[in-house]
Amino acid sequence: NKSEIKTSFPDVFEALQDAILNNESVKIKYKKGSYGLGAESNRKITPKRFSLIERKTSRYHRLCVSAYCHLRETDRVFAIYRIKELSKWNTP
């Protein structure tokens, strides 16, 4: 049973919201680095809350999700616009 992969910002946001409300983990493909030039990494995260990060170099703030990153084994903040794919984490 393959999970549906979310790629659009609204779908990713909604899936993150569901994961927060249901205390579930998700798989993401995340674009690292400035200006989208960095490599992509696959992560398993457990989202906790949304946050608006103030940017010093722009008048636009950035919507992010605070989550536990299972790869790094610590809490991290992920910019939602850099999440290129998201799917539910199927636990055995």
PDB file of N, CA and C in Angstrom:
ATOM      1  N   ASN A   1       0.845  -1.191   0.000  1.00  0.00           N
ATOM      2  CA  ASN A   1       0.000   0.000   0.000  1.00  0.00           C
ATOM      3  C   ASN A   1       0.882   1.243   0.000  1.00  0.00           C
ATOM      4  N   LYS A   2       1.091   1.812  -1.150  1.00  0.00           N
ATOM      5  CA  LYS A   2       1.990   2.952  -1.287  1.00  0.00           C
ATOM      6  C   LYS A   2       1.302   4.245  -0.836  1.00  0.00           C
ATOM      7  N   SER A   3       2.038   5.030  -0.038  1.00  0.00           N
ATOM      8  CA  SER A   3       1.504   6.298   0.439  1.00  0.00           C
ATOM      9  C   SER A   3       1.428   7.294  -0.706  1.00  0.00           C
ATOM     10  N   GLU A   4       0.441   8.144  -0.635  1.00  0.00           N
ATOM     11  CA  GLU A   4       0.321   9.205  -1.629  1.00  0.00           C
ATOM     12  C   GLU A   4       1.396  10.247  -1.367  1.00  0.00           C
ATOM     13  N   ILE A   5       2.102  10.651  -2.411  1.00  0.00           N
ATOM     14  CA  ILE A   5       3.175  11.635  -2.278  1.00  0.00           C
ATOM     15  C   ILE A   5       2.606  13.023  -2.532  1.00  0.00           C
ATOM     16  N   LYS A   6       2.856  13.923  -1.592  1.00  0.00           N
ATOM     17  CA  LYS A   6       2.406  15.314  -1.704  1.00  0.00           C
ATOM     18  C   LYS A   6       3.566  16.156  -2.223  1.00  0.00           C
ATOM     19  N   THR A   7       3.275  17.036  -3.191  1.00  0.00           N
ATOM     20  CA  THR A   7       4.340  17.873  -3.740  1.00  0.00           C
ATOM     21  C   THR A   7       4.000  19.368  -3.745  1.00  0.00           C
ATOM     22  N   SER A   8       2.730  19.729  -3.730  1.00  0.00           N
ATOM     23  CA  SER A   8       2.372  21.150  -3.759  1.00  0.00           C
ATOM     24  C   SER A   8       2.407  21.720  -2.339  1.00  0.00           C
ATOM     25  N   PHE A   9       2.679  23.018  -2.229  1.00  0.00           N
ATOM     26  CA  PHE A   9       2.751  23.665  -0.914  1.00  0.00           C
ATOM     27  C   PHE A   9       1.474  23.440  -0.100  1.00  0.00           C
ATOM     28  N   PRO A  10       0.273  23.663  -0.659  1.00  0.00           N
ATOM     29  CA  PRO A  10      -0.945  23.456   0.146  1.00  0.00           C
ATOM     30  C   PRO A  10      -1.093  22.006   0.625  1.00  0.00           C
ATOM     31  N   ASP A  11      -0.766  21.044  -0.228  1.00  0.00           N
ATOM     32  CA  ASP A  11      -0.886  19.631   0.163  1.00  0.00           C
ATOM     33  C   ASP A  11       0.137  19.256   1.232  1.00  0.00           C
ATOM     34  N   VAL A  12       1.355  19.761   1.086  1.00  0.00           N
ATOM     35  CA  VAL A  12       2.396  19.493   2.085  1.00  0.00           C
ATOM     36  C   VAL A  12       1.991  20.113   3.422  1.00  0.00           C
ATOM     37  N   PHE A  13       1.512  21.355   3.390  1.00  0.00           N
ATOM     38  CA  PHE A  13       1.073  22.036   4.611  1.00  0.00           C
ATOM     39  C   PHE A  13      -0.036  21.243   5.307  1.00  0.00           C
ATOM     40  N   GLU A  14      -1.021  20.818   4.536  1.00  0.00           N
ATOM     41  CA  GLU A  14      -2.147  20.064   5.106  1.00  0.00           C
ATOM     42  C   GLU A  14      -1.686  18.729   5.701  1.00  0.00           C
ATOM     43  N   ALA A  15      -0.787  18.043   5.020  1.00  0.00           N
ATOM     44  CA  ALA A  15      -0.273  16.764   5.523  1.00  0.00           C
ATOM     45  C   ALA A  15       0.540  16.967   6.802  1.00  0.00           C
ATOM     46  N   LEU A  16       1.306  18.061   6.869  1.00  0.00           N
ATOM     47  CA  LEU A  16       2.049  18.373   8.090  1.00  0.00           C
ATOM     48  C   LEU A  16       1.095  18.667   9.243  1.00  0.00           C
ATOM     49  N   GLN A  17       0.030  19.409   8.940  1.00  0.00           N
ATOM     50  CA  GLN A  17      -0.971  19.723   9.957  1.00  0.00           C
ATOM     51  C   GLN A  17      -1.608  18.444  10.489  1.00  0.00           C
ATOM     52  N   ASP A  18      -1.963  17.522   9.611  1.00  0.00           N
ATOM     53  CA  ASP A  18      -2.530  16.237  10.026  1.00  0.00           C
ATOM     54  C   ASP A  18      -1.541  15.461  10.897  1.00  0.00           C
ATOM     55  N   ALA A  19      -0.269  15.465  10.501  1.00  0.00           N
ATOM     56  CA  ALA A  19       0.758  14.742  11.259  1.00  0.00           C
ATOM     57  C   ALA A  19       0.919  15.327  12.663  1.00  0.00           C
ATOM     58  N   ILE A  20       0.852  16.661  12.768  1.00  0.00           N
ATOM     59  CA  ILE A  20       0.944  17.311  14.083  1.00  0.00           C
ATOM     60  C   ILE A  20      -0.244  16.909  14.951  1.00  0.00           C
ATOM     61  N   LEU A  21      -1.434  17.001  14.387  1.00  0.00           N
ATOM     62  CA  LEU A  21      -2.649  16.696  15.157  1.00  0.00           C
ATOM     63  C   LEU A  21      -2.721  15.234  15.583  1.00  0.00           C
ATOM     64  N   ASN A  22      -2.174  14.334  14.747  1.00  0.00           N
ATOM     65  CA  ASN A  22      -2.243  12.895  15.033  1.00  0.00           C
ATOM     66  C   ASN A  22      -0.951  12.326  15.609  1.00  0.00           C
ATOM     67  N   ASN A  23       0.028  13.207  15.869  1.00  0.00           N
ATOM     68  CA  ASN A  23       1.329  12.790  16.412  1.00  0.00           C
ATOM     69  C   ASN A  23       1.952  11.680  15.563  1.00  0.00           C
ATOM     70  N   GLU A  24       2.000  11.919  14.254  1.00  0.00           N
ATOM     71  CA  GLU A  24       2.535  10.938  13.308  1.00  0.00           C
ATOM     72  C   GLU A  24       3.830  11.440  12.690  1.00  0.00           C
ATOM     73  N   SER A  25       4.626  10.506  12.202  1.00  0.00           N
ATOM     74  CA  SER A  25       5.851  10.841  11.479  1.00  0.00           C
ATOM     75  C   SER A  25       5.575  10.802   9.976  1.00  0.00           C
ATOM     76  N   VAL A  26       6.377  11.576   9.242  1.00  0.00           N
ATOM     77  CA  VAL A  26       6.266  11.612   7.788  1.00  0.00           C
ATOM     78  C   VAL A  26       7.661  11.514   7.183  1.00  0.00           C
ATOM     79  N   LYS A  27       7.708  11.125   5.900  1.00  0.00           N
ATOM     80  CA  LYS A  27       8.954  11.127   5.136  1.00  0.00           C
ATOM     81  C   LYS A  27       8.943  12.360   4.257  1.00  0.00           C
ATOM     82  N   ILE A  28      10.087  13.040   4.205  1.00  0.00           N
ATOM     83  CA  ILE A  28      10.185  14.215   3.337  1.00  0.00           C
ATOM     84  C   ILE A  28      11.441  14.133   2.486  1.00  0.00           C
ATOM     85  N   LYS A  29      11.366  14.747   1.310  1.00  0.00           N
ATOM     86  CA  LYS A  29      12.546  15.016   0.490  1.00  0.00           C
ATOM     87  C   LYS A  29      12.770  16.507   0.636  1.00  0.00           C
ATOM     88  N   TYR A  30      13.905  16.880   1.227  1.00  0.00           N
ATOM     89  CA  TYR A  30      14.164  18.261   1.623  1.00  0.00           C
ATOM     90  C   TYR A  30      15.329  18.850   0.853  1.00  0.00           C
ATOM     91  N   LYS A  31      15.111  20.017   0.284  1.00  0.00           N
ATOM     92  CA  LYS A  31      16.147  20.721  -0.493  1.00  0.00           C
ATOM     93  C   LYS A  31      16.943  21.601   0.466  1.00  0.00           C
ATOM     94  N   LYS A  32      18.211  21.278   0.638  1.00  0.00           N
ATOM     95  CA  LYS A  32      19.062  22.033   1.556  1.00  0.00           C
ATOM     96  C   LYS A  32      19.748  23.174   0.825  1.00  0.00           C
ATOM     97  N   GLY A  33      20.278  24.137   1.586  1.00  0.00           N
ATOM     98  CA  GLY A  33      21.111  25.181   1.017  1.00  0.00           C
ATOM     99  C   GLY A  33      20.351  26.415   0.592  1.00  0.00           C
ATOM    100  N   SER A  34      21.091  27.469   0.415  1.00  0.00           N
ATOM    101  CA  SER A  34      20.516  28.752   0.023  1.00  0.00           C
ATOM    102  C   SER A  34      20.084  28.745  -1.435  1.00  0.00           C
ATOM    103  N   TYR A  35      19.023  29.419  -1.706  1.00  0.00           N
ATOM    104  CA  TYR A  35      18.521  29.624  -3.061  1.00  0.00           C
ATOM    105  C   TYR A  35      18.199  28.313  -3.783  1.00  0.00           C
ATOM    106  N   GLY A  36      17.938  27.247  -3.019  1.00  0.00           N
ATOM    107  CA  GLY A  36      17.578  25.970  -3.628  1.00  0.00           C
ATOM    108  C   GLY A  36      18.705  25.304  -4.395  1.00  0.00           C
ATOM    109  N   LEU A  37      19.953  25.692  -4.129  1.00  0.00           N
ATOM    110  CA  LEU A  37      21.090  25.147  -4.873  1.00  0.00           C
ATOM    111  C   LEU A  37      21.693  23.923  -4.196  1.00  0.00           C
ATOM    112  N   GLY A  38      21.268  23.634  -2.979  1.00  0.00           N
ATOM    113  CA  GLY A  38      21.849  22.522  -2.236  1.00  0.00           C
ATOM    114  C   GLY A  38      21.293  21.179  -2.657  1.00  0.00           C
ATOM    115  N   ALA A  39      21.873  20.154  -2.082  1.00  0.00           N
ATOM    116  CA  ALA A  39      21.446  18.789  -2.382  1.00  0.00           C
ATOM    117  C   ALA A  39      20.123  18.478  -1.682  1.00  0.00           C
ATOM    118  N   GLU A  40      19.449  17.453  -2.171  1.00  0.00           N
ATOM    119  CA  GLU A  40      18.229  16.988  -1.520  1.00  0.00           C
ATOM    120  C   GLU A  40      18.585  15.871  -0.557  1.00  0.00           C
ATOM    121  N   SER A  41      17.874  15.826   0.565  1.00  0.00           N
ATOM    122  CA  SER A  41      18.065  14.731   1.505  1.00  0.00           C
ATOM    123  C   SER A  41      16.709  14.152   1.868  1.00  0.00           C
ATOM    124  N   ASN A  42      16.693  12.864   2.148  1.00  0.00           N
ATOM    125  CA  ASN A  42      15.475  12.196   2.584  1.00  0.00           C
ATOM    126  C   ASN A  42      15.502  12.116   4.097  1.00  0.00           C
ATOM    127  N   ARG A  43      14.417  12.529   4.728  1.00  0.00           N
ATOM    128  CA  ARG A  43      14.338  12.568   6.186  1.00  0.00           C
ATOM    129  C   ARG A  43      13.039  11.943   6.657  1.00  0.00           C
ATOM    130  N   LYS A  44      13.081  11.381   7.847  1.00  0.00           N
ATOM    131  CA  LYS A  44      11.871  11.008   8.572  1.00  0.00           C
ATOM    132  C   LYS A  44      11.753  12.020   9.697  1.00  0.00           C
ATOM    133  N   ILE A  45      10.626  12.729   9.748  1.00  0.00           N
ATOM    134  CA  ILE A  45      10.432  13.734  10.790  1.00  0.00           C
ATOM    135  C   ILE A  45       9.108  13.506  11.509  1.00  0.00           C
ATOM    136  N   THR A  46       9.060  13.966  12.746  1.00  0.00           N
ATOM    137  CA  THR A  46       7.820  13.987  13.517  1.00  0.00           C
ATOM    138  C   THR A  46       7.512  15.460  13.786  1.00  0.00           C
ATOM    139  N   PRO A  47       6.612  16.058  12.983  1.00  0.00           N
ATOM    140  CA  PRO A  47       6.300  17.486  13.124  1.00  0.00           C
ATOM    141  C   PRO A  47       5.656  17.788  14.480  1.00  0.00           C
ATOM    142  N   LYS A  48       6.012  18.950  15.032  1.00  0.00           N
ATOM    143  CA  LYS A  48       5.478  19.362  16.337  1.00  0.00           C
ATOM    144  C   LYS A  48       4.612  20.616  16.252  1.00  0.00           C
ATOM    145  N   ARG A  49       5.111  21.631  15.523  1.00  0.00           N
ATOM    146  CA  ARG A  49       4.365  22.891  15.435  1.00  0.00           C
ATOM    147  C   ARG A  49       4.868  23.705  14.250  1.00  0.00           C
ATOM    148  N   PHE A  50       4.023  24.626  13.803  1.00  0.00           N
ATOM    149  CA  PHE A  50       4.424  25.567  12.765  1.00  0.00           C
ATOM    150  C   PHE A  50       5.033  26.799  13.423  1.00  0.00           C
ATOM    151  N   SER A  51       5.946  27.445  12.729  1.00  0.00           N
ATOM    152  CA  SER A  51       6.517  28.683  13.233  1.00  0.00           C
ATOM    153  C   SER A  51       6.811  29.611  12.058  1.00  0.00           C
ATOM    154  N   LEU A  52       6.730  30.892  12.329  1.00  0.00           N
ATOM    155  CA  LEU A  52       7.035  31.899  11.321  1.00  0.00           C
ATOM    156  C   LEU A  52       8.396  32.472  11.678  1.00  0.00           C
ATOM    157  N   ILE A  53       9.376  32.247  10.825  1.00  0.00           N
ATOM    158  CA  ILE A  53      10.744  32.663  11.094  1.00  0.00           C
ATOM    159  C   ILE A  53      10.991  34.019  10.448  1.00  0.00           C
ATOM    160  N   GLU A  54      11.420  34.976  11.254  1.00  0.00           N
ATOM    161  CA  GLU A  54      11.723  36.311  10.738  1.00  0.00           C
ATOM    162  C   GLU A  54      13.029  36.268   9.960  1.00  0.00           C
ATOM    163  N   ARG A  55      13.009  36.876   8.808  1.00  0.00           N
ATOM    164  CA  ARG A  55      14.208  36.921   7.955  1.00  0.00           C
ATOM    165  C   ARG A  55      14.773  38.324   7.965  1.00  0.00           C
ATOM    166  N   LYS A  56      16.062  38.422   8.213  1.00  0.00           N
ATOM    167  CA  LYS A  56      16.732  39.727   8.282  1.00  0.00           C
ATOM    168  C   LYS A  56      16.995  40.304   6.889  1.00  0.00           C
ATOM    169  N   THR A  57      17.126  39.423   5.890  1.00  0.00           N
ATOM    170  CA  THR A  57      17.509  39.868   4.552  1.00  0.00           C
ATOM    171  C   THR A  57      16.323  40.150   3.643  1.00  0.00           C
ATOM    172  N   SER A  58      15.118  39.970   4.157  1.00  0.00           N
ATOM    173  CA  SER A  58      13.939  40.146   3.322  1.00  0.00           C
ATOM    174  C   SER A  58      12.786  40.629   4.185  1.00  0.00           C
ATOM    175  N   ARG A  59      11.842  41.287   3.572  1.00  0.00           N
ATOM    176  CA  ARG A  59      10.663  41.718   4.330  1.00  0.00           C
ATOM    177  C   ARG A  59       9.670  40.578   4.490  1.00  0.00           C
ATOM    178  N   TYR A  60       9.924  39.473   3.800  1.00  0.00           N
ATOM    179  CA  TYR A  60       9.030  38.322   3.880  1.00  0.00           C
ATOM    180  C   TYR A  60       9.532  37.345   4.939  1.00  0.00           C
ATOM    181  N   HIS A  61       8.635  36.912   5.782  1.00  0.00           N
ATOM    182  CA  HIS A  61       8.983  35.903   6.769  1.00  0.00           C
ATOM    183  C   HIS A  61       8.789  34.533   6.141  1.00  0.00           C
ATOM    184  N   ARG A  62       9.315  33.510   6.786  1.00  0.00           N
ATOM    185  CA  ARG A  62       9.285  32.168   6.217  1.00  0.00           C
ATOM    186  C   ARG A  62       8.496  31.239   7.126  1.00  0.00           C
ATOM    187  N   LEU A  63       7.498  30.543   6.557  1.00  0.00           N
ATOM    188  CA  LEU A  63       6.722  29.573   7.304  1.00  0.00           C
ATOM    189  C   LEU A  63       7.515  28.274   7.398  1.00  0.00           C
ATOM    190  N   CYS A  64       7.711  27.817   8.624  1.00  0.00           N
ATOM    191  CA  CYS A  64       8.516  26.618   8.867  1.00  0.00           C
ATOM    192  C   CYS A  64       7.747  25.649   9.757  1.00  0.00           C
ATOM    193  N   VAL A  65       8.280  24.444   9.849  1.00  0.00           N
ATOM    194  CA  VAL A  65       7.725  23.453  10.767  1.00  0.00           C
ATOM    195  C   VAL A  65       8.855  22.995  11.688  1.00  0.00           C
ATOM    196  N   SER A  66       8.586  23.033  12.987  1.00  0.00           N
ATOM    197  CA  SER A  66       9.512  22.485  13.976  1.00  0.00           C
ATOM    198  C   SER A  66       9.191  21.004  14.093  1.00  0.00           C
ATOM    199  N   ALA A  67      10.235  20.171  14.038  1.00  0.00           N
ATOM    200  CA  ALA A  67      10.004  18.724  14.018  1.00  0.00           C
ATOM    201  C   ALA A  67      11.197  17.992  14.620  1.00  0.00           C
ATOM    202  N   TYR A  68      10.939  16.791  15.103  1.00  0.00           N
ATOM    203  CA  TYR A  68      12.024  15.915  15.508  1.00  0.00           C
ATOM    204  C   TYR A  68      12.535  15.225  14.250  1.00  0.00           C
ATOM    205  N   CYS A  69      13.839  15.346  13.988  1.00  0.00           N
ATOM    206  CA  CYS A  69      14.462  14.713  12.829  1.00  0.00           C
ATOM    207  C   CYS A  69      15.091  13.403  13.282  1.00  0.00           C
ATOM    208  N   HIS A  70      14.597  12.301  12.746  1.00  0.00           N
ATOM    209  CA  HIS A  70      15.084  10.985  13.150  1.00  0.00           C
ATOM    210  C   HIS A  70      16.498  10.725  12.625  1.00  0.00           C
ATOM    211  N   LEU A  71      16.885  11.369  11.517  1.00  0.00           N
ATOM    212  CA  LEU A  71      18.237  11.212  10.985  1.00  0.00           C
ATOM    213  C   LEU A  71      19.263  11.865  11.915  1.00  0.00           C
ATOM    214  N   ARG A  72      18.995  13.092  12.330  1.00  0.00           N
ATOM    215  CA  ARG A  72      19.921  13.849  13.183  1.00  0.00           C
ATOM    216  C   ARG A  72      19.694  13.579  14.672  1.00  0.00           C
ATOM    217  N   GLU A  73      18.573  12.938  14.993  1.00  0.00           N
ATOM    218  CA  GLU A  73      18.199  12.598  16.370  1.00  0.00           C
ATOM    219  C   GLU A  73      18.122  13.829  17.271  1.00  0.00           C
ATOM    220  N   THR A  74      17.516  14.883  16.716  1.00  0.00           N
ATOM    221  CA  THR A  74      17.325  16.119  17.465  1.00  0.00           C
ATOM    222  C   THR A  74      16.211  16.938  16.804  1.00  0.00           C
ATOM    223  N   ASP A  75      15.754  17.952  17.514  1.00  0.00           N
ATOM    224  CA  ASP A  75      14.747  18.839  16.946  1.00  0.00           C
ATOM    225  C   ASP A  75      15.395  19.754  15.911  1.00  0.00           C
ATOM    226  N   ARG A  76      14.689  19.957  14.808  1.00  0.00           N
ATOM    227  CA  ARG A  76      15.156  20.821  13.715  1.00  0.00           C
ATOM    228  C   ARG A  76      13.990  21.668  13.222  1.00  0.00           C
ATOM    229  N   VAL A  77      14.315  22.709  12.477  1.00  0.00           N
ATOM    230  CA  VAL A  77      13.304  23.565  11.853  1.00  0.00           C
ATOM    231  C   VAL A  77      13.472  23.436  10.343  1.00  0.00           C
ATOM    232  N   PHE A  78      12.370  23.136   9.659  1.00  0.00           N
ATOM    233  CA  PHE A  78      12.382  22.927   8.213  1.00  0.00           C
ATOM    234  C   PHE A  78      11.499  23.977   7.543  1.00  0.00           C
ATOM    235  N   ALA A  79      12.050  24.661   6.533  1.00  0.00           N
ATOM    236  CA  ALA A  79      11.267  25.608   5.740  1.00  0.00           C
ATOM    237  C   ALA A  79      10.321  24.798   4.857  1.00  0.00           C
ATOM    238  N   ILE A  80       9.040  25.084   4.941  1.00  0.00           N
ATOM    239  CA  ILE A  80       8.055  24.274   4.225  1.00  0.00           C
ATOM    240  C   ILE A  80       8.254  24.358   2.710  1.00  0.00           C
ATOM    241  N   TYR A  81       8.646  25.517   2.200  1.00  0.00           N
ATOM    242  CA  TYR A  81       8.808  25.637   0.742  1.00  0.00           C
ATOM    243  C   TYR A  81       9.956  24.778   0.214  1.00  0.00           C
ATOM    244  N   ARG A  82      10.848  24.331   1.109  1.00  0.00           N
ATOM    245  CA  ARG A  82      11.955  23.465   0.685  1.00  0.00           C
ATOM    246  C   ARG A  82      11.599  21.982   0.739  1.00  0.00           C
ATOM    247  N   ILE A  83      10.419  21.655   1.253  1.00  0.00           N
ATOM    248  CA  ILE A  83       9.977  20.253   1.258  1.00  0.00           C
ATOM    249  C   ILE A  83       9.428  19.945  -0.131  1.00  0.00           C
ATOM    250  N   LYS A  84      10.160  19.146  -0.892  1.00  0.00           N
ATOM    251  CA  LYS A  84       9.806  18.875  -2.284  1.00  0.00           C
ATOM    252  C   LYS A  84       8.834  17.711  -2.418  1.00  0.00           C
ATOM    253  N   GLU A  85       8.884  16.768  -1.469  1.00  0.00           N
ATOM    254  CA  GLU A  85       7.947  15.635  -1.441  1.00  0.00           C
ATOM    255  C   GLU A  85       7.674  15.276   0.002  1.00  0.00           C
ATOM    256  N   LEU A  86       6.468  14.799   0.262  1.00  0.00           N
ATOM    257  CA  LEU A  86       6.088  14.343   1.591  1.00  0.00           C
ATOM    258  C   LEU A  86       5.161  13.151   1.446  1.00  0.00           C
ATOM    259  N   SER A  87       5.388  12.144   2.262  1.00  0.00           N
ATOM    260  CA  SER A  87       4.474  11.003   2.313  1.00  0.00           C
ATOM    261  C   SER A  87       4.396  10.504   3.757  1.00  0.00           C
ATOM    262  N   LYS A  88       3.333   9.785   4.047  1.00  0.00           N
ATOM    263  CA  LYS A  88       3.178   9.234   5.391  1.00  0.00           C
ATOM    264  C   LYS A  88       4.238   8.194   5.651  1.00  0.00           C
ATOM    265  N   TRP A  89       4.665   8.118   6.897  1.00  0.00           N
ATOM    266  CA  TRP A  89       5.633   7.098   7.291  1.00  0.00           C
ATOM    267  C   TRP A  89       4.858   5.870   7.710  1.00  0.00           C
ATOM    268  N   ASN A  90       5.032   4.776   6.979  1.00  0.00           N
ATOM    269  CA  ASN A  90       4.324   3.543   7.302  1.00  0.00           C
ATOM    270  C   ASN A  90       5.165   2.721   8.265  1.00  0.00           C
ATOM    271  N   THR A  91       4.716   2.630   9.491  1.00  0.00           N
ATOM    272  CA  THR A  91       5.435   1.824  10.472  1.00  0.00           C
ATOM    273  C   THR A  91       4.974   0.378  10.356  1.00  0.00           C
ATOM    274  N   PRO A  92       5.906  -0.565  10.459  1.00  0.00           N
ATOM    275  CA  PRO A  92       5.534  -1.981  10.285  1.00  0.00           C
ATOM    276  C   PRO A  92       4.646  -2.477  11.417  1.00  0.00           C
TER     277      PRO A  92
END
